[in-house]
PDB file of N, CA and C in Angstrom:
ATOM      1  N   MET A   1       6.959  -6.134  24.351  1.00  0.00           N
ATOM      2  CA  MET A   1       5.635  -6.640  24.103  1.00  0.00           C
ATOM      3  C   MET A   1       5.639  -8.143  24.399  1.00  0.00           C
ATOM      4  N   SER A   2       4.809  -8.543  25.275  1.00  0.00           N
ATOM      5  CA  SER A   2       4.750  -9.959  25.628  1.00  0.00           C
ATOM      6  C   SER A   2       3.923 -10.722  24.588  1.00  0.00           C
ATOM      7  N   SER A   3       4.034 -12.017  24.628  1.00  0.00           N
ATOM      8  CA  SER A   3       3.299 -12.832  23.658  1.00  0.00           C
ATOM      9  C   SER A   3       1.789 -12.713  23.866  1.00  0.00           C
ATOM     10  N   ASN A   4       1.377 -12.502  25.105  1.00  0.00           N
ATOM     11  CA  ASN A   4      -0.048 -12.337  25.384  1.00  0.00           C
ATOM     12  C   ASN A   4      -0.582 -11.067  24.716  1.00  0.00           C
ATOM     13  N   ASP A   5       0.194  -9.992  24.765  1.00  0.00           N
ATOM     14  CA  ASP A   5      -0.212  -8.750  24.111  1.00  0.00           C
ATOM     15  C   ASP A   5      -0.309  -8.939  22.599  1.00  0.00           C
ATOM     16  N   TYR A   6       0.638  -9.671  22.062  1.00  0.00           N
ATOM     17  CA  TYR A   6       0.645  -9.919  20.618  1.00  0.00           C
ATOM     18  C   TYR A   6      -0.590 -10.723  20.196  1.00  0.00           C
ATOM     19  N   VAL A   7      -0.912 -11.747  20.932  1.00  0.00           N
ATOM     20  CA  VAL A   7      -2.096 -12.563  20.632  1.00  0.00           C
ATOM     21  C   VAL A   7      -3.359 -11.718  20.736  1.00  0.00           C
ATOM     22  N   LYS A   8      -3.420 -10.857  21.725  1.00  0.00           N
ATOM     23  CA  LYS A   8      -4.578  -9.976  21.900  1.00  0.00           C
ATOM     24  C   LYS A   8      -4.715  -9.030  20.702  1.00  0.00           C
ATOM     25  N   TYR A   9      -3.607  -8.453  20.267  1.00  0.00           N
ATOM     26  CA  TYR A   9      -3.614  -7.537  19.131  1.00  0.00           C
ATOM     27  C   TYR A   9      -4.064  -8.253  17.853  1.00  0.00           C
ATOM     28  N   VAL A  10      -3.500  -9.419  17.596  1.00  0.00           N
ATOM     29  CA  VAL A  10      -3.862 -10.169  16.391  1.00  0.00           C
ATOM     30  C   VAL A  10      -5.336 -10.558  16.423  1.00  0.00           C
ATOM     31  N   THR A  11      -5.813 -10.965  17.567  1.00  0.00           N
ATOM     32  CA  THR A  11      -7.224 -11.333  17.706  1.00  0.00           C
ATOM     33  C   THR A  11      -8.124 -10.135  17.425  1.00  0.00           C
ATOM     34  N   GLN A  12      -7.756  -8.977  17.932  1.00  0.00           N
ATOM     35  CA  GLN A  12      -8.545  -7.766  17.685  1.00  0.00           C
ATOM     36  C   GLN A  12      -8.579  -7.431  16.197  1.00  0.00           C
ATOM     37  N   GLN A  13      -7.441  -7.566  15.531  1.00  0.00           N
ATOM     38  CA  GLN A  13      -7.379  -7.262  14.106  1.00  0.00           C
ATOM     39  C   GLN A  13      -8.227  -8.235  13.289  1.00  0.00           C
ATOM     40  N   VAL A  14      -8.188  -9.498  13.642  1.00  0.00           N
ATOM     41  CA  VAL A  14      -8.983 -10.503  12.927  1.00  0.00           C
ATOM     42  C   VAL A  14     -10.471 -10.250  13.131  1.00  0.00           C
ATOM     43  N   VAL A  15     -10.866  -9.942  14.350  1.00  0.00           N
ATOM     44  CA  VAL A  15     -12.280  -9.664  14.632  1.00  0.00           C
ATOM     45  C   VAL A  15     -12.726  -8.409  13.884  1.00  0.00           C
ATOM     46  N   LYS A  16     -11.889  -7.405  13.866  1.00  0.00           N
ATOM     47  CA  LYS A  16     -12.204  -6.175  13.140  1.00  0.00           C
ATOM     48  C   LYS A  16     -12.380  -6.466  11.649  1.00  0.00           C
ATOM     49  N   TYR A  17     -11.506  -7.292  11.099  1.00  0.00           N
ATOM     50  CA  TYR A  17     -11.590  -7.664   9.691  1.00  0.00           C
ATOM     51  C   TYR A  17     -12.874  -8.441   9.404  1.00  0.00           C
ATOM     52  N   MET A  18     -13.205  -9.372  10.279  1.00  0.00           N
ATOM     53  CA  MET A  18     -14.388 -10.210  10.078  1.00  0.00           C
ATOM     54  C   MET A  18     -15.687  -9.408  10.232  1.00  0.00           C
ATOM     55  N   ASP A  19     -15.665  -8.360  11.038  1.00  0.00           N
ATOM     56  CA  ASP A  19     -16.863  -7.550  11.266  1.00  0.00           C
ATOM     57  C   ASP A  19     -17.174  -6.599  10.116  1.00  0.00           C
ATOM     58  N   THR A  20     -16.170  -6.227   9.331  1.00  0.00           N
ATOM     59  CA  THR A  20     -16.426  -5.315   8.221  1.00  0.00           C
ATOM     60  C   THR A  20     -17.088  -6.070   7.076  1.00  0.00           C
ATOM     61  N   PRO A  21     -18.047  -5.449   6.409  1.00  0.00           N
ATOM     62  CA  PRO A  21     -18.714  -6.107   5.279  1.00  0.00           C
ATOM     63  C   PRO A  21     -17.742  -6.328   4.114  1.00  0.00           C
ATOM     64  N   LYS A  22     -18.014  -7.330   3.324  1.00  0.00           N
ATOM     65  CA  LYS A  22     -17.134  -7.691   2.217  1.00  0.00           C
ATOM     66  C   LYS A  22     -17.000  -6.546   1.211  1.00  0.00           C
ATOM     67  N   GLU A  23     -18.090  -5.858   0.924  1.00  0.00           N
ATOM     68  CA  GLU A  23     -18.054  -4.751  -0.030  1.00  0.00           C
ATOM     69  C   GLU A  23     -17.133  -3.636   0.450  1.00  0.00           C
ATOM     70  N   GLN A  24     -17.190  -3.352   1.737  1.00  0.00           N
ATOM     71  CA  GLN A  24     -16.340  -2.301   2.289  1.00  0.00           C
ATOM     72  C   GLN A  24     -14.867  -2.706   2.225  1.00  0.00           C
ATOM     73  N   ARG A  25     -14.570  -3.964   2.482  1.00  0.00           N
ATOM     74  CA  ARG A  25     -13.185  -4.440   2.386  1.00  0.00           C
ATOM     75  C   ARG A  25     -12.675  -4.323   0.960  1.00  0.00           C
ATOM     76  N   GLN A  26     -13.533  -4.651  -0.014  1.00  0.00           N
ATOM     77  CA  GLN A  26     -13.142  -4.543  -1.413  1.00  0.00           C
ATOM     78  C   GLN A  26     -12.913  -3.088  -1.806  1.00  0.00           C
ATOM     79  N   GLN A  27     -13.763  -2.188  -1.326  1.00  0.00           N
ATOM     80  CA  GLN A  27     -13.587  -0.767  -1.617  1.00  0.00           C
ATOM     81  C   GLN A  27     -12.283  -0.251  -1.033  1.00  0.00           C
ATOM     82  N   GLN A  28     -11.964  -0.652   0.195  1.00  0.00           N
ATOM     83  CA  GLN A  28     -10.719  -0.231   0.822  1.00  0.00           C
ATOM     84  C   GLN A  28      -9.518  -0.762   0.046  1.00  0.00           C
ATOM     85  N   LYS A  29      -9.606  -1.993  -0.423  1.00  0.00           N
ATOM     86  CA  LYS A  29      -8.515  -2.592  -1.189  1.00  0.00           C
ATOM     87  C   LYS A  29      -8.295  -1.835  -2.500  1.00  0.00           C
ATOM     88  N   GLU A  30      -9.369  -1.505  -3.201  1.00  0.00           N
ATOM     89  CA  GLU A  30      -9.270  -0.748  -4.443  1.00  0.00           C
ATOM     90  C   GLU A  30      -8.708   0.647  -4.196  1.00  0.00           C
ATOM     91  N   PHE A  31      -9.138   1.293  -3.120  1.00  0.00           N
ATOM     92  CA  PHE A  31      -8.635   2.626  -2.794  1.00  0.00           C
ATOM     93  C   PHE A  31      -7.135   2.586  -2.527  1.00  0.00           C
ATOM     94  N   LYS A  32      -6.676   1.563  -1.803  1.00  0.00           N
ATOM     95  CA  LYS A  32      -5.249   1.431  -1.530  1.00  0.00           C
ATOM     96  C   LYS A  32      -4.458   1.216  -2.810  1.00  0.00           C
ATOM     97  N   LYS A  33      -5.007   0.434  -3.742  1.00  0.00           N
ATOM     98  CA  LYS A  33      -4.328   0.198  -5.014  1.00  0.00           C
ATOM     99  C   LYS A  33      -4.211   1.484  -5.817  1.00  0.00           C
ATOM    100  N   GLU A  34      -5.268   2.295  -5.809  1.00  0.00           N
ATOM    101  CA  GLU A  34      -5.276   3.532  -6.583  1.00  0.00           C
ATOM    102  C   GLU A  34      -4.314   4.566  -6.023  1.00  0.00           C
ATOM    103  N   THR A  35      -4.184   4.624  -4.710  1.00  0.00           N
ATOM    104  CA  THR A  35      -3.364   5.666  -4.100  1.00  0.00           C
ATOM    105  C   THR A  35      -1.914   5.248  -3.888  1.00  0.00           C
ATOM    106  N   ARG A  36      -1.585   4.010  -4.227  1.00  0.00           N
ATOM    107  CA  ARG A  36      -0.215   3.537  -4.032  1.00  0.00           C
ATOM    108  C   ARG A  36       0.729   4.219  -5.021  1.00  0.00           C
ATOM    109  N   THR A  37       1.929   4.536  -4.583  1.00  0.00           N
ATOM    110  CA  THR A  37       2.913   5.141  -5.464  1.00  0.00           C
ATOM    111  C   THR A  37       3.438   4.094  -6.436  1.00  0.00           C
ATOM    112  N   PRO A  38       3.920   4.515  -7.601  1.00  0.00           N
ATOM    113  CA  PRO A  38       4.442   3.557  -8.575  1.00  0.00           C
ATOM    114  C   PRO A  38       5.619   2.749  -8.021  1.00  0.00           C
ATOM    115  N   PHE A  39       5.809   1.575  -8.606  1.00  0.00           N
ATOM    116  CA  PHE A  39       6.843   0.648  -8.153  1.00  0.00           C
ATOM    117  C   PHE A  39       8.227   1.285  -8.148  1.00  0.00           C
ATOM    118  N   TRP A  40       8.575   1.965  -9.235  1.00  0.00           N
ATOM    119  CA  TRP A  40       9.933   2.509  -9.340  1.00  0.00           C
ATOM    120  C   TRP A  40      10.221   3.549  -8.268  1.00  0.00           C
ATOM    121  N   SER A  41       9.268   4.412  -7.996  1.00  0.00           N
ATOM    122  CA  SER A  41       9.519   5.444  -6.988  1.00  0.00           C
ATOM    123  C   SER A  41       9.501   4.869  -5.583  1.00  0.00           C
ATOM    124  N   ARG A  42       8.725   3.811  -5.351  1.00  0.00           N
ATOM    125  CA  ARG A  42       8.709   3.174  -4.034  1.00  0.00           C
ATOM    126  C   ARG A  42      10.045   2.526  -3.730  1.00  0.00           C
ATOM    127  N   TRP A  43      10.616   1.838  -4.709  1.00  0.00           N
ATOM    128  CA  TRP A  43      11.833   1.073  -4.454  1.00  0.00           C
ATOM    129  C   TRP A  43      13.109   1.887  -4.655  1.00  0.00           C
ATOM    130  N   PHE A  44      13.102   2.821  -5.584  1.00  0.00           N
ATOM    131  CA  PHE A  44      14.343   3.504  -5.921  1.00  0.00           C
ATOM    132  C   PHE A  44      14.307   5.013  -5.745  1.00  0.00           C
ATOM    133  N   GLY A  45      13.194   5.571  -5.345  1.00  0.00           N
ATOM    134  CA  GLY A  45      13.123   7.000  -5.090  1.00  0.00           C
ATOM    135  C   GLY A  45      12.814   7.815  -6.333  1.00  0.00           C
ATOM    136  N   VAL A  46      13.267   9.044  -6.333  1.00  0.00           N
ATOM    137  CA  VAL A  46      12.938   9.992  -7.390  1.00  0.00           C
ATOM    138  C   VAL A  46      13.853   9.845  -8.597  1.00  0.00           C
ATOM    139  N   LEU A  47      15.019   9.297  -8.428  1.00  0.00           N
ATOM    140  CA  LEU A  47      16.002   9.212  -9.506  1.00  0.00           C
ATOM    141  C   LEU A  47      15.476   8.511 -10.759  1.00  0.00           C
ATOM    142  N   PRO A  48      14.888   7.329 -10.693  1.00  0.00           N
ATOM    143  CA  PRO A  48      14.392   6.700 -11.924  1.00  0.00           C
ATOM    144  C   PRO A  48      13.313   7.511 -12.634  1.00  0.00           C
ATOM    145  N   ILE A  49      12.471   8.174 -11.861  1.00  0.00           N
ATOM    146  CA  ILE A  49      11.426   8.994 -12.472  1.00  0.00           C
ATOM    147  C   ILE A  49      12.046  10.173 -13.206  1.00  0.00           C
ATOM    148  N   SER A  50      13.032  10.800 -12.600  1.00  0.00           N
ATOM    149  CA  SER A  50      13.673  11.940 -13.248  1.00  0.00           C
ATOM    150  C   SER A  50      14.413  11.504 -14.508  1.00  0.00           C
ATOM    151  N   VAL A  51      15.038  10.341 -14.490  1.00  0.00           N
ATOM    152  CA  VAL A  51      15.731   9.835 -15.678  1.00  0.00           C
ATOM    153  C   VAL A  51      14.724   9.534 -16.784  1.00  0.00           C
ATOM    154  N   MET A  52      13.605   8.919 -16.435  1.00  0.00           N
ATOM    155  CA  MET A  52      12.584   8.619 -17.446  1.00  0.00           C
ATOM    156  C   MET A  52      12.027   9.901 -18.057  1.00  0.00           C
ATOM    157  N   LEU A  53      11.761  10.905 -17.233  1.00  0.00           N
ATOM    158  CA  LEU A  53      11.260  12.174 -17.756  1.00  0.00           C
ATOM    159  C   LEU A  53      12.291  12.840 -18.653  1.00  0.00           C
ATOM    160  N   TRP A  54      13.549  12.782 -18.273  1.00  0.00           N
ATOM    161  CA  TRP A  54      14.626  13.365 -19.067  1.00  0.00           C
ATOM    162  C   TRP A  54      14.732  12.668 -20.420  1.00  0.00           C
ATOM    163  N   MET A  55      14.609  11.329 -20.417  1.00  0.00           N
ATOM    164  CA  MET A  55      14.692  10.574 -21.670  1.00  0.00           C
ATOM    165  C   MET A  55      13.506  10.903 -22.581  1.00  0.00           C
ATOM    166  N   LYS A  56      12.316  11.028 -22.016  1.00  0.00           N
ATOM    167  CA  LYS A  56      11.146  11.379 -22.821  1.00  0.00           C
ATOM    168  C   LYS A  56      11.303  12.768 -23.433  1.00  0.00           C
ATOM    169  N   LYS A  57      11.812  13.689 -22.638  1.00  0.00           N
ATOM    170  CA  LYS A  57      12.001  15.054 -23.122  1.00  0.00           C
ATOM    171  C   LYS A  57      13.070  15.085 -24.212  1.00  0.00           C
ATOM    172  N   ARG A  58      14.076  14.277 -24.060  1.00  0.00           N
ATOM    173  CA  ARG A  58      15.183  14.240 -25.014  1.00  0.00           C
ATOM    174  C   ARG A  58      14.734  13.668 -26.363  1.00  0.00           C
ATOM    175  N   LYS A  59      13.802  12.708 -26.350  1.00  0.00           N
ATOM    176  CA  LYS A  59      13.309  12.113 -27.591  1.00  0.00           C
ATOM    177  C   LYS A  59      12.535  13.116 -28.431  1.00  0.00           C
ATOM    178  N   ARG A  60      11.872  14.066 -27.807  1.00  0.00           N
ATOM    179  CA  ARG A  60      11.067  15.061 -28.529  1.00  0.00           C
ATOM    180  C   ARG A  60      11.913  16.057 -29.189  1.00  0.00           C
TER     181      ARG A  60
END
């Protein structure tokens, strides 16, 4: 990818961002926050979740 292609891509993304209404950008941001996976599973996988569930079950 040449630098000219990169500049073209970045310019397109900025123009696309500027053309979308502010309300729509805020809605997209909120939707992304809601659908994001929890921090522990993103960084460490399924193991921490399984340990937490096991500990909760063990306390009962």
